[in-house]
All heavy atoms as atom14 arrays in JSON, in Angstrom:
{
  "sequence": "RAENDRFRELIRGATPHSKYALQALAILS",
  "atom14_mask": [
    [1, 1, 1, 1, 1, 1, 1, 1, 1, 1, 1, 0, 0, 0],
    [1, 1, 1, 1, 1, 0, 0, 0, 0, 0, 0, 0, 0, 0],
    [1, 1, 1, 1, 1, 1, 1, 1, 1, 0, 0, 0, 0, 0],
    [1, 1, 1, 1, 1, 1, 1, 1, 0, 0, 0, 0, 0, 0],
    [1, 1, 1, 1, 1, 1, 1, 1, 0, 0, 0, 0, 0, 0],
    [1, 1, 1, 1, 1, 1, 1, 1, 1, 1, 1, 0, 0, 0],
    [1, 1, 1, 1, 1, 1, 1, 1, 1, 1, 1, 0, 0, 0],
    [1, 1, 1, 1, 1, 1, 1, 1, 1, 1, 1, 0, 0, 0],
    [1, 1, 1, 1, 1, 1, 1, 1, 1, 0, 0, 0, 0, 0],
    [1, 1, 1, 1, 1, 1, 1, 1, 0, 0, 0, 0, 0, 0],
    [1, 1, 1, 1, 1, 1, 1, 1, 0, 0, 0, 0, 0, 0],
    [1, 1, 1, 1, 1, 1, 1, 1, 1, 1, 1, 0, 0, 0],
    [1, 1, 1, 1, 0, 0, 0, 0, 0, 0, 0, 0, 0, 0],
    [1, 1, 1, 1, 1, 0, 0, 0, 0, 0, 0, 0, 0, 0],
    [1, 1, 1, 1, 1, 1, 1, 0, 0, 0, 0, 0, 0, 0],
    [1, 1, 1, 1, 1, 1, 1, 0, 0, 0, 0, 0, 0, 0],
    [1, 1, 1, 1, 1, 1, 1, 1, 1, 1, 0, 0, 0, 0],
    [1, 1, 1, 1, 1, 1, 0, 0, 0, 0, 0, 0, 0, 0],
    [1, 1, 1, 1, 1, 1, 1, 1, 1, 0, 0, 0, 0, 0],
    [1, 1, 1, 1, 1, 1, 1, 1, 1, 1, 1, 1, 0, 0],
    [1, 1, 1, 1, 1, 0, 0, 0, 0, 0, 0, 0, 0, 0],
    [1, 1, 1, 1, 1, 1, 1, 1, 0, 0, 0, 0, 0, 0],
    [1, 1, 1, 1, 1, 1, 1, 1, 1, 0, 0, 0, 0, 0],
    [1, 1, 1, 1, 1, 0, 0, 0, 0, 0, 0, 0, 0, 0],
    [1, 1, 1, 1, 1, 1, 1, 1, 0, 0, 0, 0, 0, 0],
    [1, 1, 1, 1, 1, 0, 0, 0, 0, 0, 0, 0, 0, 0],
    [1, 1, 1, 1, 1, 1, 1, 1, 0, 0, 0, 0, 0, 0],
    [1, 1, 1, 1, 1, 1, 1, 1, 0, 0, 0, 0, 0, 0],
    [1, 1, 1, 1, 1, 1, 0, 0, 0, 0, 0, 0, 0, 0]
  ],
  "atom14_positions": [
    [[0.83, -1.2, 0.0], [0.0, 0.0, 0.0], [0.87, 1.25, 0.0], [0.58, 2.22, -0.7], [-0.91, -0.02, 1.23], [-1.8, 1.21, 1.35], [-2.74, 1.08, 2.54], [-3.36, 2.35, 2.87], [-4.13, 2.55, 3.91], [-4.4, 1.55, 4.73], [-4.66, 3.74, 4.16], [0.0, 0.0, 0.0], [0.0, 0.0, 0.0], [0.0, 0.0, 0.0]],
    [[1.97, 1.24, 0.78], [2.87, 2.39, 0.83], [3.53, 2.63, -0.52], [3.7, 3.79, -0.95], [3.92, 2.18, 1.91], [0.0, 0.0, 0.0], [0.0, 0.0, 0.0], [0.0, 0.0, 0.0], [0.0, 0.0, 0.0], [0.0, 0.0, 0.0], [0.0, 0.0, 0.0], [0.0, 0.0, 0.0], [0.0, 0.0, 0.0], [0.0, 0.0, 0.0]],
    [[3.92, 1.56, -1.21], [4.53, 1.7, -2.54], [3.54, 2.31, -3.52], [3.89, 3.18, -4.34], [5.01, 0.34, -3.03], [6.26, -0.17, -2.32], [6.67, -1.55, -2.79], [5.86, -2.21, -3.47], [7.8, -1.96, -2.47], [0.0, 0.0, 0.0], [0.0, 0.0, 0.0], [0.0, 0.0, 0.0], [0.0, 0.0, 0.0], [0.0, 0.0, 0.0]],
    [[2.29, 1.85, -3.45], [1.26, 2.4, -4.34], [1.05, 3.88, -4.08], [0.98, 4.69, -5.01], [-0.06, 1.66, -4.16], [-0.01, 0.23, -4.67], [0.91, -0.14, -5.4], [-0.97, -0.58, -4.3], [0.0, 0.0, 0.0], [0.0, 0.0, 0.0], [0.0, 0.0, 0.0], [0.0, 0.0, 0.0], [0.0, 0.0, 0.0], [0.0, 0.0, 0.0]],
    [[0.98, 4.25, -2.79], [0.76, 5.66, -2.44], [1.94, 6.52, -2.83], [1.77, 7.66, -3.27], [0.49, 5.78, -0.94], [-0.91, 5.32, -0.55], [-1.68, 4.97, -1.47], [-1.22, 5.31, 0.64], [0.0, 0.0, 0.0], [0.0, 0.0, 0.0], [0.0, 0.0, 0.0], [0.0, 0.0, 0.0], [0.0, 0.0, 0.0], [0.0, 0.0, 0.0]],
    [[3.14, 5.98, -2.66], [4.35, 6.73, -3.02], [4.36, 7.03, -4.52], [4.68, 8.14, -4.95], [5.6, 5.96, -2.62], [6.9, 6.67, -2.98], [8.11, 5.86, -2.56], [9.32, 6.51, -3.02], [9.81, 6.38, -4.25], [9.19, 5.61, -5.13], [10.91, 7.01, -4.61], [0.0, 0.0, 0.0], [0.0, 0.0, 0.0], [0.0, 0.0, 0.0]],
    [[4.0, 6.02, -5.32], [4.0, 6.25, -6.77], [2.89, 7.22, -7.17], [3.08, 8.06, -8.04], [3.83, 4.92, -7.52], [3.83, 5.08, -9.01], [4.96, 5.54, -9.66], [2.69, 4.82, -9.76], [4.97, 5.72, -11.04], [2.69, 4.99, -11.14], [3.84, 5.45, -11.77], [0.0, 0.0, 0.0], [0.0, 0.0, 0.0], [0.0, 0.0, 0.0]],
    [[1.74, 7.12, -6.51], [0.67, 8.09, -6.79], [1.17, 9.52, -6.53], [0.85, 10.45, -7.27], [-0.55, 7.81, -5.91], [-1.36, 6.6, -6.33], [-2.68, 6.54, -5.58], [-3.38, 5.31, -5.86], [-3.32, 4.21, -5.12], [-2.56, 4.21, -4.02], [-3.98, 3.13, -5.45], [0.0, 0.0, 0.0], [0.0, 0.0, 0.0], [0.0, 0.0, 0.0]],
    [[1.94, 9.68, -5.46], [2.48, 11.0, -5.13], [3.46, 11.46, -6.19], [3.47, 12.64, -6.59], [3.15, 10.95, -3.76], [3.75, 12.26, -3.29], [2.72, 13.33, -3.0], [1.54, 12.98, -2.8], [3.1, 14.52, -2.99], [0.0, 0.0, 0.0], [0.0, 0.0, 0.0], [0.0, 0.0, 0.0], [0.0, 0.0, 0.0], [0.0, 0.0, 0.0]],
    [[4.28, 10.54, -6.7], [5.27, 10.89, -7.71], [4.62, 11.4, -8.99], [5.13, 12.3, -9.66], [6.15, 9.68, -8.03], [7.33, 9.4, -7.1], [7.98, 8.08, -7.49], [8.35, 10.52, -7.15], [0.0, 0.0, 0.0], [0.0, 0.0, 0.0], [0.0, 0.0, 0.0], [0.0, 0.0, 0.0], [0.0, 0.0, 0.0], [0.0, 0.0, 0.0]],
    [[3.49, 10.79, -9.36], [2.86, 11.15, -10.64], [1.7, 12.12, -10.45], [0.94, 12.36, -11.38], [2.37, 9.9, -11.4], [1.29, 9.17, -10.61], [3.52, 8.98, -11.76], [0.54, 8.11, -11.42], [0.0, 0.0, 0.0], [0.0, 0.0, 0.0], [0.0, 0.0, 0.0], [0.0, 0.0, 0.0], [0.0, 0.0, 0.0], [0.0, 0.0, 0.0]],
    [[1.59, 12.67, -9.25], [0.54, 13.65, -9.01], [0.7, 14.8, -9.99], [1.76, 15.39, -10.12], [0.65, 14.18, -7.57], [-0.43, 15.2, -7.21], [-0.32, 15.62, -5.77], [0.99, 16.17, -5.43], [1.2, 16.92, -4.36], [0.24, 17.2, -3.54], [2.41, 17.39, -4.11], [0.0, 0.0, 0.0], [0.0, 0.0, 0.0], [0.0, 0.0, 0.0]],
    [[-0.35, 15.1, -10.7], [-0.31, 16.2, -11.66], [0.15, 15.79, -13.05], [0.18, 16.62, -13.96], [0.0, 0.0, 0.0], [0.0, 0.0, 0.0], [0.0, 0.0, 0.0], [0.0, 0.0, 0.0], [0.0, 0.0, 0.0], [0.0, 0.0, 0.0], [0.0, 0.0, 0.0], [0.0, 0.0, 0.0], [0.0, 0.0, 0.0], [0.0, 0.0, 0.0]],
    [[0.53, 14.51, -13.24], [0.97, 14.06, -14.57], [-0.21, 14.06, -15.54], [-1.35, 13.76, -15.16], [1.57, 12.66, -14.48], [0.0, 0.0, 0.0], [0.0, 0.0, 0.0], [0.0, 0.0, 0.0], [0.0, 0.0, 0.0], [0.0, 0.0, 0.0], [0.0, 0.0, 0.0], [0.0, 0.0, 0.0], [0.0, 0.0, 0.0], [0.0, 0.0, 0.0]],
    [[0.05, 14.38, -16.79], [-1.0, 14.38, -17.81], [-1.39, 12.95, -18.17], [-0.63, 12.01, -17.94], [-0.53, 15.1, -19.07], [0.55, 14.35, -19.66], [-0.05, 16.51, -18.76], [0.0, 0.0, 0.0], [0.0, 0.0, 0.0], [0.0, 0.0, 0.0], [0.0, 0.0, 0.0], [0.0, 0.0, 0.0], [0.0, 0.0, 0.0], [0.0, 0.0, 0.0]],
    [[-2.59, 12.75, -18.76], [-2.99, 11.39, -19.17], [-1.96, 10.73, -20.07], [-1.65, 9.54, -19.9], [-4.31, 11.63, -19.9], [-4.88, 12.85, -19.25], [-3.69, 13.72, -18.95], [0.0, 0.0, 0.0], [0.0, 0.0, 0.0], [0.0, 0.0, 0.0], [0.0, 0.0, 0.0], [0.0, 0.0, 0.0], [0.0, 0.0, 0.0], [0.0, 0.0, 0.0]],
    [[-1.37, 11.48, -21.01], [-0.43, 10.84, -21.94], [0.91, 10.53, -21.27], [1.6, 9.59, -21.68], [-0.25, 11.72, -23.19], [-1.41, 11.61, -24.13], [-1.5, 10.63, -25.1], [-2.55, 12.33, -24.22], [-2.64, 10.77, -25.77], [-3.29, 11.8, -25.24], [0.0, 0.0, 0.0], [0.0, 0.0, 0.0], [0.0, 0.0, 0.0], [0.0, 0.0, 0.0]],
    [[1.29, 11.28, -20.25], [2.46, 10.9, -19.46], [2.21, 9.55, -18.8], [3.09, 8.68, -18.76], [2.75, 11.95, -18.38], [3.29, 13.11, -18.94], [0.0, 0.0, 0.0], [0.0, 0.0, 0.0], [0.0, 0.0, 0.0], [0.0, 0.0, 0.0], [0.0, 0.0, 0.0], [0.0, 0.0, 0.0], [0.0, 0.0, 0.0], [0.0, 0.0, 0.0]],
    [[1.0, 9.37, -18.3], [0.64, 8.11, -17.66], [0.58, 6.97, -18.67], [0.99, 5.84, -18.37], [-0.69, 8.25, -16.93], [-0.62, 9.23, -15.76], [-1.97, 9.39, -15.08], [-1.9, 10.39, -13.93], [-3.2, 10.57, -13.27], [0.0, 0.0, 0.0], [0.0, 0.0, 0.0], [0.0, 0.0, 0.0], [0.0, 0.0, 0.0], [0.0, 0.0, 0.0]],
    [[0.11, 7.26, -19.88], [0.07, 6.22, -20.91], [1.49, 5.77, -21.26], [1.76, 4.57, -21.45], [-0.62, 6.73, -22.18], [-2.06, 7.15, -22.01], [-2.67, 8.01, -22.92], [-2.82, 6.7, -20.94], [-3.99, 8.41, -22.78], [-4.15, 7.1, -20.78], [-4.72, 7.96, -21.7], [-6.03, 8.34, -21.56], [0.0, 0.0, 0.0], [0.0, 0.0, 0.0]],
    [[2.42, 6.74, -21.33], [3.82, 6.4, -21.66], [4.44, 5.56, -20.54], [5.17, 4.59, -20.81], [4.63, 7.69, -21.89], [0.0, 0.0, 0.0], [0.0, 0.0, 0.0], [0.0, 0.0, 0.0], [0.0, 0.0, 0.0], [0.0, 0.0, 0.0], [0.0, 0.0, 0.0], [0.0, 0.0, 0.0], [0.0, 0.0, 0.0], [0.0, 0.0, 0.0]],
    [[4.16, 5.92, -19.29], [4.67, 5.13, -18.16], [4.06, 3.74, -18.14], [4.73, 2.75, -17.83], [4.38, 5.86, -16.85], [5.21, 7.1, -16.55], [4.72, 7.76, -15.27], [6.69, 6.76, -16.43], [0.0, 0.0, 0.0], [0.0, 0.0, 0.0], [0.0, 0.0, 0.0], [0.0, 0.0, 0.0], [0.0, 0.0, 0.0], [0.0, 0.0, 0.0]],
    [[2.78, 3.67, -18.47], [2.12, 2.37, -18.52], [2.76, 1.49, -19.59], [2.95, 0.28, -19.39], [0.62, 2.56, -18.8], [-0.2, 1.28, -18.64], [-1.7, 1.55, -18.8], [-2.17, 2.66, -18.52], [-2.43, 0.55, -19.25], [0.0, 0.0, 0.0], [0.0, 0.0, 0.0], [0.0, 0.0, 0.0], [0.0, 0.0, 0.0], [0.0, 0.0, 0.0]],
    [[3.1, 2.09, -20.71], [3.76, 1.34, -21.79], [5.1, 0.79, -21.31], [5.44, -0.37, -21.58], [3.95, 2.25, -23.0], [0.0, 0.0, 0.0], [0.0, 0.0, 0.0], [0.0, 0.0, 0.0], [0.0, 0.0, 0.0], [0.0, 0.0, 0.0], [0.0, 0.0, 0.0], [0.0, 0.0, 0.0], [0.0, 0.0, 0.0], [0.0, 0.0, 0.0]],
    [[5.87, 1.61, -20.59], [7.17, 1.18, -20.09], [6.99, 0.07, -19.03], [7.78, -0.87, -18.98], [7.92, 2.37, -19.5], [9.39, 2.18, -19.15], [10.18, 1.57, -20.31], [10.01, 3.51, -18.73], [0.0, 0.0, 0.0], [0.0, 0.0, 0.0], [0.0, 0.0, 0.0], [0.0, 0.0, 0.0], [0.0, 0.0, 0.0], [0.0, 0.0, 0.0]],
    [[5.94, 0.17, -18.23], [5.66, -0.87, -17.23], [5.3, -2.19, -17.91], [5.75, -3.26, -17.49], [4.54, -0.42, -16.31], [0.0, 0.0, 0.0], [0.0, 0.0, 0.0], [0.0, 0.0, 0.0], [0.0, 0.0, 0.0], [0.0, 0.0, 0.0], [0.0, 0.0, 0.0], [0.0, 0.0, 0.0], [0.0, 0.0, 0.0], [0.0, 0.0, 0.0]],
    [[4.49, -2.11, -18.96], [4.09, -3.32, -19.7], [5.32, -3.99, -20.31], [5.49, -5.21, -20.22], [3.06, -2.96, -20.79], [1.73, -2.55, -20.16], [2.85, -4.14, -21.75], [0.74, -1.94, -21.13], [0.0, 0.0, 0.0], [0.0, 0.0, 0.0], [0.0, 0.0, 0.0], [0.0, 0.0, 0.0], [0.0, 0.0, 0.0], [0.0, 0.0, 0.0]],
    [[6.19, -3.19, -20.93], [7.42, -3.75, -21.5], [8.29, -4.41, -20.44], [8.85, -5.49, -20.65], [8.21, -2.63, -22.19], [7.73, -2.19, -23.58], [8.43, -0.91, -24.0], [7.99, -3.29, -24.61], [0.0, 0.0, 0.0], [0.0, 0.0, 0.0], [0.0, 0.0, 0.0], [0.0, 0.0, 0.0], [0.0, 0.0, 0.0], [0.0, 0.0, 0.0]],
    [[8.39, -3.77, -19.27], [9.22, -4.3, -18.19], [8.67, -5.62, -17.67], [9.43, -6.55, -17.36], [9.31, -3.29, -17.06], [9.88, -2.07, -17.51], [0.0, 0.0, 0.0], [0.0, 0.0, 0.0], [0.0, 0.0, 0.0], [0.0, 0.0, 0.0], [0.0, 0.0, 0.0], [0.0, 0.0, 0.0], [0.0, 0.0, 0.0], [0.0, 0.0, 0.0]]
  ]
}
């Protein structure tokens, strides 16, 4: 839960397409 909250804090304010790009990198990983 702490890891999830920490990442939410890191991407706070990120645009939808920034999140799509990060999601793509997560899928590849």
